[in-house]
Amino acid sequence: MSHVAGSAQSPSSPASAPNASAPASPVSPLSPISLPWVTRLVSMDTVSRNPNLGLIETVRDELRALGIEATLTHDPSGKWANLFATIPAHDGRTNGGVVLSGHTDVVPVDGQQWDSDPFKPEIRGDKLYGRGTCDMKGFIGAALALVPHMQRTQLAKPIHLALSFDEEVGCAGAPLLLADLMKRGVKPDGCIVGEPTSMRPIVAHKGINAYQCCVRGQAAHSSLTPQGLNAIEYAARLICYIRDMADQFRAQGPFDELYDVPFSTAQTSTISGGNALNTVPAECKFQFEFRNLPTLDPESIFARIDQYARETLLPKMLREHPSAAIEITKIAAAPGLDSSEQAAITQLVRALTADQDKRKVAYGTEAGLFSLAGIPTIVCGPGDIQQAHKANEFVELSQLVACERFLQKFIHSMSVDALKEVPLGGAPKEVPLGTP
């Protein structure tokens, strides 16, 4: 790993000296102004199972040094937190405006073969390697690096920063942040979630719904199977029913050809049960998920699975043994996104990226949660999703530069000056968001 010596830029200001607590940035012939912030964030191990307070409090303190007070919302244990901060409009207004949103957690590196320490970011060629470089600390670092630029700009509308926890394990943090905004009466006009899209606008994604099922039977010696109840066998029947649903989605739809997988999907992902070859298994646990097109109601999909378990399988099980039970627990859910092309935030991001193509993706983001809360949202950020969650995760430096340029244009679009930039003969007017 190589480092910049002596002339690294500060995470909080592109033109100032580095913060003493920040790691030196790797040397690069193409050095994005956000590189110090991105490398600092990546060097913090925020795998979802680990508390993220170190990162959140670092950002809070850096913002405070710039005169910006952030609001933290914690999980019940107090070990994880979201952050929400506002750069107000020139007249002090803090309501309305646009949120720049990103999650601070990253997926584990366990069992992956990396060519470098995933938490010691390293530049090789034109890429920055490290866990979270692509998903999605690159976007967060770019936004933080440009906070001083936001402050120097005479903003017509406020710009908000939203950093969440536990997105990778079911979007557990963002609902707390959004509930706090509602409680405080904060209502942004729009939101940009900076997940890796290669800086191309994404207007829709599928919903994610994950469950754990525990099938309880009765143990017995395998020579006396009629005295027991085989939990694995009944779990297998439910698993096959879920697979049959998935096959039905694939064959019959509904379909949306703008998705790479143009139909809803379902699968069983983990399973465990039994304790010996010669024992009828008393318990079997498995986890399953389905990813629905945003036009489908996820509750109706789950209702089919639940009904089959309760009305078809359970009565058969109870006839074999009175201790039979099937318990299904929701472990994660994130709604789908289907952004309106007429929404101001959609039109703004399309104008800033000069990209009118309509794209939809199968993976989920927190954008659906913002949209469900009444905040029109679109997804656009640096990096390629193909690099996320893998060993040797990277973001191209050119993608960070592209993100910075996009954010600089976005900041200008939110300015008072942008409102004055109208065609010859036109008149300045108030707009819901920014003016590209």
Protein backbone atom coordinates (compact mmCIF):
# COMPACT_ATOMS: atom_id res chain seq x y z
CA MET A 1 0.00 0.00 0.00
CA SER A 2 1.36 3.41 -1.00
CA HIS A 3 0.45 6.73 0.56
CA VAL A 4 0.50 10.41 -0.29
CA ALA A 5 3.23 12.07 1.70
CA GLY A 6 2.84 15.59 3.00
CA SER A 7 0.33 17.00 0.51
CA ALA A 8 -2.83 14.95 1.17
CA GLN A 9 -6.07 16.91 1.26
CA SER A 10 -8.38 17.08 4.24
CA PRO A 11 -11.61 15.11 4.22
CA SER A 12 -13.50 18.22 5.32
CA SER A 13 -12.04 20.65 2.80
CA PRO A 14 -10.34 19.96 -0.53
CA ALA A 15 -7.93 22.84 -0.01
CA SER A 16 -6.88 22.34 3.61
CA ALA A 17 -4.33 20.18 5.39
CA PRO A 18 -5.25 16.61 6.35
CA ASN A 19 -6.88 15.74 9.62
CA ALA A 20 -4.32 14.08 11.86
CA SER A 21 -6.63 11.14 12.60
CA ALA A 22 -7.29 10.34 8.94
CA PRO A 23 -5.11 7.79 7.11
CA ALA A 24 -2.97 9.15 4.34
CA SER A 25 -4.49 8.74 0.90
CA PRO A 26 -2.95 6.42 -1.68
CA VAL A 27 -0.95 7.98 -4.49
CA SER A 28 -2.81 8.30 -7.78
CA PRO A 29 -2.20 10.15 -11.04
CA LEU A 30 -5.98 10.76 -11.02
CA SER A 31 -6.81 11.97 -7.51
CA PRO A 32 -10.45 12.76 -6.90
CA ILE A 33 -10.93 15.49 -4.31
CA SER A 34 -13.02 13.00 -2.34
CA LEU A 35 -10.18 10.46 -2.08
CA PRO A 36 -9.14 11.46 1.47
CA TRP A 37 -12.71 11.08 2.72
CA VAL A 38 -13.34 7.82 0.85
CA THR A 39 -10.15 6.18 2.09
CA ARG A 40 -10.88 7.33 5.62
CA LEU A 41 -14.36 5.80 5.54
CA VAL A 42 -13.19 2.53 3.96
CA SER A 43 -10.52 2.14 6.63
CA MET A 44 -13.29 1.88 9.24
CA ASP A 45 -14.56 -1.68 9.55
CA THR A 46 -18.32 -1.20 9.47
CA VAL A 47 -19.38 -4.72 8.54
CA SER A 48 -23.04 -4.85 9.56
CA ARG A 49 -22.38 -7.05 12.61
CA ASN A 50 -20.05 -4.35 14.00
CA PRO A 51 -21.23 -1.05 15.55
CA ASN A 52 -20.87 1.93 13.22
CA LEU A 53 -20.66 4.62 15.89
CA GLY A 54 -16.99 5.31 15.18
CA LEU A 55 -17.78 6.31 11.62
CA ILE A 56 -20.96 8.20 12.49
CA GLU A 57 -19.33 10.16 15.29
CA THR A 58 -16.34 10.97 13.06
CA VAL A 59 -18.67 12.45 10.44
CA ARG A 60 -20.67 14.25 13.12
CA ASP A 61 -17.52 15.83 14.55
CA GLU A 62 -16.22 16.89 11.13
CA LEU A 63 -19.56 18.48 10.29
CA ARG A 64 -19.65 20.21 13.68
CA ALA A 65 -16.22 21.68 12.94
CA LEU A 66 -17.83 23.21 9.85
CA GLY A 67 -20.68 24.63 11.92
CA ILE A 68 -23.22 21.94 10.98
CA GLU A 69 -25.05 20.09 13.74
CA ALA A 70 -26.17 16.57 12.92
CA THR A 71 -28.99 14.53 14.46
CA LEU A 72 -28.27 10.91 15.38
CA THR A 73 -30.90 8.20 15.73
CA HIS A 74 -29.74 5.06 17.53
CA ASP A 75 -30.84 1.45 17.57
CA PRO A 76 -32.15 0.14 20.93
CA SER A 77 -28.66 -0.97 22.01
CA GLY A 78 -27.16 2.47 21.31
CA LYS A 79 -24.28 0.86 19.40
CA TRP A 80 -25.50 1.70 15.92
CA ALA A 81 -26.72 5.04 14.64
CA ASN A 82 -28.01 6.98 11.66
CA LEU A 83 -26.95 10.54 10.94
CA PHE A 84 -29.00 13.34 9.39
CA ALA A 85 -27.55 16.78 8.76
CA THR A 86 -28.70 19.83 6.85
CA ILE A 87 -26.84 22.53 4.96
CA PRO A 88 -29.53 25.22 5.07
CA ALA A 89 -30.68 27.49 2.27
CA HIS A 90 -29.23 31.01 2.16
CA ASP A 91 -32.21 32.34 4.11
CA GLY A 92 -31.86 29.70 6.82
CA ARG A 93 -34.62 27.40 5.60
CA THR A 94 -34.10 23.74 6.49
CA ASN A 95 -37.28 22.20 5.14
CA GLY A 96 -37.72 20.99 1.59
CA GLY A 97 -34.61 20.48 -0.50
CA VAL A 98 -32.91 17.23 -1.46
CA VAL A 99 -31.39 14.39 0.58
CA LEU A 100 -28.11 12.73 -0.43
CA SER A 101 -28.40 9.29 1.15
CA GLY A 102 -26.02 6.42 1.74
CA HIS A 103 -25.62 3.44 4.05
CA THR A 104 -22.50 3.13 6.18
CA ASP A 105 -22.47 -0.64 6.67
CA VAL A 106 -20.68 -3.08 4.39
CA VAL A 107 -20.92 -6.83 3.83
CA PRO A 108 -18.45 -9.26 5.49
CA VAL A 109 -15.16 -10.32 3.95
CA ASP A 110 -15.16 -13.72 5.68
CA GLY A 111 -14.01 -16.53 3.40
CA GLN A 112 -13.04 -14.20 0.57
CA GLN A 113 -9.54 -14.19 -0.92
CA TRP A 114 -8.37 -10.57 -1.16
CA ASP A 115 -5.12 -9.43 -2.74
CA SER A 116 -4.87 -6.62 -0.15
CA ASP A 117 -6.29 -5.79 3.26
CA PRO A 118 -9.95 -4.92 2.56
CA PHE A 119 -9.88 -2.26 5.28
CA LYS A 120 -6.65 -0.64 4.11
CA PRO A 121 -7.75 1.02 0.86
CA GLU A 122 -5.20 0.72 -1.89
CA ILE A 123 -4.91 2.17 -5.37
CA ARG A 124 -3.75 -0.19 -8.08
CA GLY A 125 -3.81 1.27 -11.55
CA ASP A 126 -6.90 3.40 -11.95
CA LYS A 127 -8.95 1.68 -9.24
CA LEU A 128 -9.37 2.08 -5.49
CA TYR A 129 -9.67 -1.30 -3.76
CA GLY A 130 -11.28 -1.97 -0.40
CA ARG A 131 -14.50 -3.13 1.19
CA GLY A 132 -17.14 -0.48 0.64
CA THR A 133 -15.28 1.48 -2.05
CA CYS A 134 -18.09 0.66 -4.47
CA ASP A 135 -20.97 -0.13 -2.08
CA MET A 136 -21.20 2.64 -1.05
CA LYS A 137 -18.59 4.72 0.74
CA GLY A 138 -17.46 6.26 -2.54
CA PHE A 139 -20.69 8.23 -2.80
CA ILE A 140 -20.67 9.16 0.90
CA GLY A 141 -17.08 10.36 0.66
CA ALA A 142 -17.82 12.45 -2.41
CA ALA A 143 -20.80 14.10 -0.71
CA LEU A 144 -18.82 14.84 2.46
CA ALA A 145 -15.89 16.25 0.50
CA LEU A 146 -18.21 18.76 -1.15
CA VAL A 147 -19.89 20.02 2.03
CA PRO A 148 -17.65 23.13 2.11
CA HIS A 149 -18.69 23.83 -1.49
CA MET A 150 -22.33 23.52 -0.44
CA GLN A 151 -21.69 26.04 2.34
CA ARG A 152 -20.02 28.51 -0.04
CA THR A 153 -22.96 28.30 -2.44
CA GLN A 154 -25.97 30.57 -1.97
CA LEU A 155 -28.49 27.75 -1.82
CA ALA A 156 -32.10 28.38 -2.74
CA LYS A 157 -33.04 25.03 -1.15
CA PRO A 158 -31.34 23.10 1.64
CA ILE A 159 -29.23 20.01 1.01
CA HIS A 160 -29.44 17.16 3.50
CA LEU A 161 -27.07 14.29 4.26
CA ALA A 162 -28.52 10.98 5.47
CA LEU A 163 -26.24 8.13 6.57
CA SER A 164 -27.85 4.90 7.76
CA PHE A 165 -26.85 1.65 9.44
CA ASP A 166 -27.67 -1.99 8.64
CA GLU A 167 -28.89 -1.56 5.08
CA GLU A 168 -27.13 -4.77 4.10
CA VAL A 169 -29.05 -6.85 6.65
CA GLY A 170 -32.56 -5.70 5.91
CA CYS A 171 -32.61 -1.90 5.90
CA ALA A 172 -32.97 -1.78 9.67
CA GLY A 173 -31.60 1.73 10.20
CA ALA A 174 -33.35 3.91 7.62
CA PRO A 175 -36.88 3.44 9.07
CA LEU A 176 -35.66 4.93 12.37
CA LEU A 177 -34.16 7.91 10.54
CA LEU A 178 -37.33 8.48 8.52
CA ALA A 179 -39.55 8.19 11.60
CA ASP A 180 -37.42 10.84 13.30
CA LEU A 181 -37.75 13.17 10.30
CA MET A 182 -41.51 12.77 10.40
CA LYS A 183 -41.57 13.41 14.14
CA ARG A 184 -39.53 16.60 13.68
CA GLY A 185 -41.62 17.77 10.74
CA VAL A 186 -38.74 17.58 8.26
CA LYS A 187 -40.10 16.94 4.76
CA PRO A 188 -37.51 16.94 1.95
CA ASP A 189 -38.70 17.43 -1.63
CA GLY A 190 -36.62 14.58 -3.00
CA CYS A 191 -33.80 12.13 -2.37
CA ILE A 192 -30.83 10.71 -4.28
CA VAL A 193 -29.63 7.34 -2.99
CA GLY A 194 -26.04 6.93 -4.15
CA GLU A 195 -25.87 3.15 -4.62
CA PRO A 196 -23.46 2.05 -7.38
CA THR A 197 -25.14 2.60 -10.76
CA SER A 198 -22.11 3.79 -12.78
CA MET A 199 -23.62 7.27 -12.38
CA ARG A 200 -26.68 6.28 -14.43
CA PRO A 201 -30.16 7.01 -13.05
CA ILE A 202 -32.15 4.04 -11.76
CA VAL A 203 -35.89 4.66 -11.50
CA ALA A 204 -37.13 1.35 -10.11
CA HIS A 205 -36.05 -1.73 -8.19
CA LYS A 206 -37.67 -4.78 -6.69
CA GLY A 207 -38.82 -5.20 -3.11
CA ILE A 208 -36.99 -7.57 -0.76
CA ASN A 209 -38.79 -9.75 1.78
CA ALA A 210 -36.89 -12.26 3.94
CA TYR A 211 -38.27 -14.76 6.43
CA GLN A 212 -37.16 -17.51 8.77
CA CYS A 213 -39.31 -20.60 9.12
CA CYS A 214 -39.10 -23.10 11.97
CA VAL A 215 -40.92 -26.41 11.49
CA ARG A 216 -41.36 -28.35 14.74
CA GLY A 217 -41.98 -32.07 14.80
CA GLN A 218 -41.33 -34.85 17.29
CA ALA A 219 -38.11 -36.79 17.80
CA ALA A 220 -38.12 -40.57 17.79
CA HIS A 221 -35.77 -43.43 17.01
CA SER A 222 -35.64 -43.92 13.26
CA SER A 223 -36.84 -47.51 13.70
CA LEU A 224 -40.04 -46.09 15.21
CA THR A 225 -40.90 -43.40 12.67
CA PRO A 226 -44.69 -43.61 13.26
CA GLN A 227 -44.05 -42.37 16.82
CA GLY A 228 -42.26 -39.26 15.57
CA LEU A 229 -42.92 -36.36 13.21
CA ASN A 230 -40.25 -35.59 10.66
CA ALA A 231 -39.73 -31.81 10.65
CA ILE A 232 -37.31 -31.90 7.73
CA GLU A 233 -39.76 -33.67 5.44
CA TYR A 234 -42.52 -31.14 6.10
CA ALA A 235 -40.08 -28.27 5.78
CA ALA A 236 -39.12 -29.74 2.41
CA ARG A 237 -42.75 -29.62 1.31
CA LEU A 238 -42.98 -25.93 2.17
CA ILE A 239 -39.67 -25.26 0.43
CA CYS A 240 -40.96 -27.01 -2.69
CA TYR A 241 -44.12 -24.89 -2.55
CA ILE A 242 -41.97 -21.74 -2.51
CA ARG A 243 -40.04 -23.09 -5.49
CA ASP A 244 -43.31 -23.80 -7.30
CA MET A 245 -44.30 -20.16 -6.74
CA ALA A 246 -40.97 -19.04 -8.17
CA ASP A 247 -41.50 -21.25 -11.23
CA GLN A 248 -44.97 -19.77 -11.66
CA PHE A 249 -43.58 -16.21 -11.55
CA ARG A 250 -41.01 -17.18 -14.16
CA ALA A 251 -43.55 -18.80 -16.47
CA GLN A 252 -46.59 -16.60 -16.01
CA GLY A 253 -45.29 -13.24 -14.77
CA PRO A 254 -46.25 -10.51 -14.45
CA PHE A 255 -43.26 -9.33 -16.43
CA ASP A 256 -41.35 -6.07 -16.77
CA GLU A 257 -38.72 -6.34 -19.48
CA LEU A 258 -36.76 -3.33 -18.20
CA TYR A 259 -35.40 -5.53 -15.40
CA ASP A 260 -32.47 -7.88 -16.03
CA VAL A 261 -34.65 -10.53 -14.32
CA PRO A 262 -38.06 -9.41 -15.59
CA PHE A 263 -40.24 -11.25 -13.06
CA SER A 264 -40.53 -11.69 -9.31
CA THR A 265 -38.26 -14.35 -7.78
CA ALA A 266 -38.27 -16.56 -4.70
CA GLN A 267 -35.73 -18.93 -3.18
CA THR A 268 -34.72 -20.82 -0.05
CA SER A 269 -31.23 -19.77 0.99
CA THR A 270 -30.26 -21.62 4.20
CA ILE A 271 -31.49 -24.75 6.00
CA SER A 272 -30.57 -26.74 9.12
CA GLY A 273 -32.19 -29.59 10.99
CA GLY A 274 -31.80 -32.95 12.64
CA ASN A 275 -29.06 -34.18 14.94
CA ALA A 276 -28.39 -37.82 14.03
CA LEU A 277 -28.90 -40.25 11.17
CA ASN A 278 -30.96 -42.62 13.31
CA THR A 279 -33.23 -39.95 14.83
CA VAL A 280 -36.45 -38.55 13.41
CA PRO A 281 -35.67 -34.81 13.26
CA ALA A 282 -37.72 -32.73 15.70
CA GLU A 283 -36.89 -29.37 14.17
CA CYS A 284 -35.92 -27.84 10.85
CA LYS A 285 -35.16 -24.17 10.25
CA PHE A 286 -34.73 -22.48 6.92
CA GLN A 287 -34.62 -18.98 5.52
CA PHE A 288 -36.31 -17.87 2.34
CA GLU A 289 -36.81 -14.65 0.43
CA PHE A 290 -38.78 -13.27 -2.45
CA ARG A 291 -38.05 -10.21 -4.54
CA ASN A 292 -41.20 -8.74 -5.97
CA LEU A 293 -41.75 -6.34 -8.80
CA PRO A 294 -42.86 -3.08 -7.18
CA THR A 295 -46.26 -3.45 -8.88
CA LEU A 296 -46.94 -6.63 -6.84
CA ASP A 297 -48.12 -6.55 -3.23
CA PRO A 298 -45.55 -8.46 -1.12
CA GLU A 299 -48.14 -9.19 1.57
CA SER A 300 -50.29 -11.10 -0.90
CA ILE A 301 -47.27 -13.19 -1.94
CA PHE A 302 -46.48 -14.04 1.67
CA ALA A 303 -50.14 -14.77 2.37
CA ARG A 304 -50.03 -17.60 -0.17
CA ILE A 305 -47.05 -19.18 1.56
CA ASP A 306 -48.54 -18.70 5.01
CA GLN A 307 -51.91 -20.12 3.93
CA TYR A 308 -50.30 -23.24 2.49
CA ALA A 309 -48.35 -23.76 5.72
CA ARG A 310 -51.37 -23.26 8.00
CA GLU A 311 -54.17 -24.80 5.99
CA THR A 312 -52.46 -27.61 4.09
CA LEU A 313 -49.31 -28.71 5.91
CA LEU A 314 -50.10 -28.06 9.56
CA PRO A 315 -53.36 -30.12 9.67
CA LYS A 316 -51.47 -33.09 8.21
CA MET A 317 -48.70 -32.66 10.77
CA LEU A 318 -51.14 -32.44 13.68
CA ARG A 319 -52.72 -35.72 12.63
CA GLU A 320 -49.30 -37.31 13.09
CA HIS A 321 -48.42 -35.61 16.38
CA PRO A 322 -50.09 -32.90 18.55
CA SER A 323 -46.80 -31.04 19.12
CA ALA A 324 -46.53 -30.02 15.46
CA ALA A 325 -45.97 -26.36 14.68
CA ILE A 326 -44.86 -24.08 11.84
CA GLU A 327 -43.54 -20.65 12.80
CA ILE A 328 -42.66 -18.06 10.15
CA THR A 329 -40.93 -14.83 11.20
CA LYS A 330 -40.13 -11.84 9.02
CA ILE A 331 -36.44 -10.96 9.36
CA ALA A 332 -36.10 -8.20 6.75
CA ALA A 333 -38.20 -6.21 4.35
CA ALA A 334 -37.53 -3.30 2.03
CA PRO A 335 -40.19 -2.00 -0.34
CA GLY A 336 -39.64 -1.75 -4.05
CA LEU A 337 -39.12 1.52 -5.88
CA ASP A 338 -41.06 2.76 -8.88
CA SER A 339 -40.16 6.41 -9.39
CA SER A 340 -42.40 8.67 -11.40
CA GLU A 341 -40.84 10.11 -14.55
CA GLN A 342 -42.78 13.28 -13.78
CA ALA A 343 -41.21 13.67 -10.32
CA ALA A 344 -38.97 16.73 -10.03
CA ILE A 345 -36.10 14.67 -8.59
CA THR A 346 -36.25 12.26 -11.55
CA GLN A 347 -36.20 15.10 -14.05
CA LEU A 348 -33.38 16.84 -12.20
CA VAL A 349 -31.09 13.80 -12.08
CA ARG A 350 -31.84 12.99 -15.70
CA ALA A 351 -30.92 16.56 -16.69
CA LEU A 352 -27.72 16.55 -14.63
CA THR A 353 -26.56 13.21 -16.06
CA ALA A 354 -27.89 13.91 -19.58
CA ASP A 355 -29.33 10.40 -19.43
CA GLN A 356 -32.92 9.70 -20.44
CA ASP A 357 -32.73 5.89 -20.56
CA LYS A 358 -35.16 4.09 -18.28
CA ARG A 359 -33.40 1.51 -16.10
CA LYS A 360 -34.67 -0.87 -13.43
CA VAL A 361 -32.66 -3.27 -11.25
CA ALA A 362 -33.34 -6.49 -9.35
CA TYR A 363 -31.36 -5.55 -6.23
CA GLY A 364 -32.92 -3.47 -3.47
CA THR A 365 -31.96 -0.20 -1.83
CA GLU A 366 -33.26 2.18 0.82
CA ALA A 367 -34.82 4.27 -1.95
CA GLY A 368 -38.08 2.36 -1.58
CA LEU A 369 -38.26 3.38 2.08
CA PHE A 370 -37.78 7.08 1.28
CA SER A 371 -40.39 6.82 -1.46
CA LEU A 372 -42.84 5.06 0.89
CA ALA A 373 -42.32 7.93 3.35
CA GLY A 374 -43.55 10.35 0.68
CA ILE A 375 -40.12 11.55 -0.49
CA PRO A 376 -39.71 11.11 -4.27
CA THR A 377 -36.45 9.22 -4.77
CA ILE A 378 -34.07 8.09 -7.48
CA VAL A 379 -30.90 5.97 -7.34
CA CYS A 380 -27.63 7.23 -8.84
CA GLY A 381 -24.08 6.76 -7.61
CA PRO A 382 -20.49 5.84 -8.52
CA GLY A 383 -19.23 2.33 -9.15
CA ASP A 384 -20.52 -0.82 -10.80
CA ILE A 385 -22.84 -3.08 -8.80
CA GLN A 386 -20.98 -6.04 -10.34
CA GLN A 387 -18.04 -5.19 -8.04
CA ALA A 388 -20.10 -5.04 -4.86
CA HIS A 389 -19.90 -7.76 -2.18
CA LYS A 390 -16.96 -9.48 -3.90
CA ALA A 391 -13.33 -10.01 -2.96
CA ASN A 392 -11.17 -7.18 -4.31
CA GLU A 393 -14.11 -4.80 -4.43
CA PHE A 394 -13.14 -1.59 -6.18
CA VAL A 395 -14.37 1.68 -7.57
CA GLU A 396 -12.73 3.27 -10.58
CA LEU A 397 -11.21 6.64 -9.78
CA SER A 398 -12.91 8.03 -12.86
CA GLN A 399 -16.24 7.09 -11.27
CA LEU A 400 -15.42 9.12 -8.16
CA VAL A 401 -14.51 12.07 -10.38
CA ALA A 402 -17.77 11.64 -12.32
CA CYS A 403 -19.68 11.59 -9.03
CA GLU A 404 -17.96 14.76 -7.85
CA ARG A 405 -18.80 16.53 -11.11
CA PHE A 406 -22.41 15.37 -10.83
CA LEU A 407 -22.64 16.64 -7.25
CA GLN A 408 -21.04 19.95 -8.19
CA LYS A 409 -23.67 20.41 -10.90
CA PHE A 410 -26.34 19.31 -8.43
CA ILE A 411 -25.18 21.89 -5.87
CA HIS A 412 -25.30 24.60 -8.52
CA SER A 413 -28.80 23.48 -9.52
CA MET A 414 -29.89 24.09 -5.92
CA SER A 415 -28.46 27.61 -5.89
CA VAL A 416 -30.07 31.03 -6.16
CA ASP A 417 -27.93 31.68 -9.24
CA ALA A 418 -29.44 28.67 -11.02
CA LEU A 419 -32.91 30.16 -10.64
CA LYS A 420 -31.73 33.22 -12.57
CA GLU A 421 -30.35 31.15 -15.44
CA VAL A 422 -33.39 31.02 -17.72
CA PRO A 423 -33.73 31.23 -21.53
CA LEU A 424 -33.70 34.66 -23.19
CA GLY A 425 -37.03 36.36 -22.57
CA GLY A 426 -37.88 34.02 -19.67
CA ALA A 427 -38.45 35.04 -16.10
CA PRO A 428 -36.96 33.54 -12.92
CA LYS A 429 -39.44 31.37 -11.11
CA GLU A 430 -39.61 29.17 -8.02
CA VAL A 431 -39.10 25.46 -8.74
CA PRO A 432 -39.74 22.42 -6.52
CA LEU A 433 -36.11 21.28 -6.54
CA GLY A 434 -33.11 22.45 -8.51
CA THR A 435 -32.73 24.01 -11.92
CA PRO A 436 -30.18 22.19 -14.09
